[in-house]
């Protein structure tokens, strides 16, 4: 049920065609198969539609698979 809600929320956000998608811990409740598929799907959609994605994941490795650029914030400041 939680997986379905997460995927539906993402689909609703994408359907609005906003120029920016904000995603906080987007795969936290997904099963392993969808957790692995989600970054590639999001990256492909972002590139195809010119979508900017602001991603705040628990797993930096997933962010690296989506991002063209990454910023890390430590203590409220951008870290080197």
Protein backbone atom coordinates (compact mmCIF):
# COMPACT_ATOMS: atom_id res chain seq x y z
CA UNK A 1 0.00 0.00 0.00
CA UNK A 2 2.79 2.46 0.89
CA UNK A 3 4.62 1.61 -2.34
CA UNK A 4 1.50 2.34 -4.37
CA UNK A 5 1.02 5.71 -2.62
CA UNK A 6 4.65 6.67 -3.24
CA UNK A 7 4.45 5.81 -6.93
CA UNK A 8 1.08 7.54 -7.31
CA UNK A 9 2.40 10.70 -5.64
CA UNK A 10 5.35 10.75 -8.04
CA UNK A 11 3.06 10.19 -11.02
CA UNK A 12 0.73 13.01 -9.91
CA UNK A 13 3.67 15.40 -9.54
CA UNK A 14 4.99 14.51 -13.00
CA UNK A 15 1.53 14.82 -14.57
CA UNK A 16 1.36 18.47 -13.50
CA UNK A 17 4.28 19.25 -15.83
CA UNK A 18 5.91 21.55 -13.31
CA UNK A 19 9.45 22.61 -14.24
CA UNK A 20 10.83 21.29 -10.92
CA UNK A 21 10.21 18.06 -9.02
CA UNK A 22 11.01 18.08 -5.30
CA UNK A 23 11.55 14.59 -3.91
CA UNK A 24 12.41 13.98 -0.26
CA UNK A 25 13.43 10.39 0.43
CA UNK A 26 11.48 9.17 -2.61
CA UNK A 27 12.48 5.51 -2.36
CA UNK A 28 12.33 5.09 1.43
CA UNK A 29 9.18 2.96 1.30
CA UNK A 30 9.79 1.14 -1.99
CA UNK A 31 10.65 -2.53 -2.39
CA UNK A 32 14.18 -3.36 -3.63
CA UNK A 33 13.12 -3.80 -7.28
CA UNK A 34 11.41 -0.39 -7.48
CA UNK A 35 14.20 1.23 -5.45
CA UNK A 36 16.69 0.18 -8.11
CA UNK A 37 14.43 1.14 -11.04
CA UNK A 38 13.31 4.55 -9.77
CA UNK A 39 16.57 6.54 -10.28
CA UNK A 40 16.90 5.52 -13.92
CA UNK A 41 13.26 6.27 -14.64
CA UNK A 42 13.50 9.67 -12.99
CA UNK A 43 16.74 10.53 -14.81
CA UNK A 44 15.22 9.57 -18.18
CA UNK A 45 12.06 11.60 -17.54
CA UNK A 46 14.06 14.61 -16.37
CA UNK A 47 16.25 14.59 -19.46
CA UNK A 48 13.39 13.96 -21.87
CA UNK A 49 11.11 16.64 -20.41
CA UNK A 50 13.76 19.15 -19.27
CA UNK A 51 12.69 18.63 -15.66
CA UNK A 52 14.83 19.95 -12.82
CA UNK A 53 14.91 17.54 -9.88
CA UNK A 54 15.73 18.50 -6.32
CA UNK A 55 16.36 15.20 -4.58
CA UNK A 56 16.95 14.64 -0.87
CA UNK A 57 17.56 10.90 -0.54
CA UNK A 58 18.68 8.77 2.37
CA UNK A 59 21.00 6.96 -0.03
CA UNK A 60 23.52 9.22 -1.81
CA UNK A 61 24.32 6.41 -4.26
CA UNK A 62 20.81 6.75 -5.71
CA UNK A 63 21.21 10.51 -6.05
CA UNK A 64 24.44 9.95 -7.97
CA UNK A 65 22.53 7.81 -10.48
CA UNK A 66 20.01 10.61 -11.14
CA UNK A 67 22.06 13.78 -10.85
CA UNK A 68 24.00 15.77 -13.39
CA UNK A 69 25.17 17.96 -10.49
CA UNK A 70 25.16 17.32 -6.76
CA UNK A 71 25.37 19.57 -3.73
CA UNK A 72 25.89 18.32 -0.23
CA UNK A 73 24.61 20.37 2.67
CA UNK A 74 26.23 19.97 6.09
CA UNK A 75 25.16 22.06 9.05
CA UNK A 76 22.95 24.23 6.85
CA UNK A 77 25.80 25.13 4.47
CA UNK A 78 26.90 23.80 1.12
CA UNK A 79 29.87 21.51 1.77
CA UNK A 80 32.85 21.11 -0.57
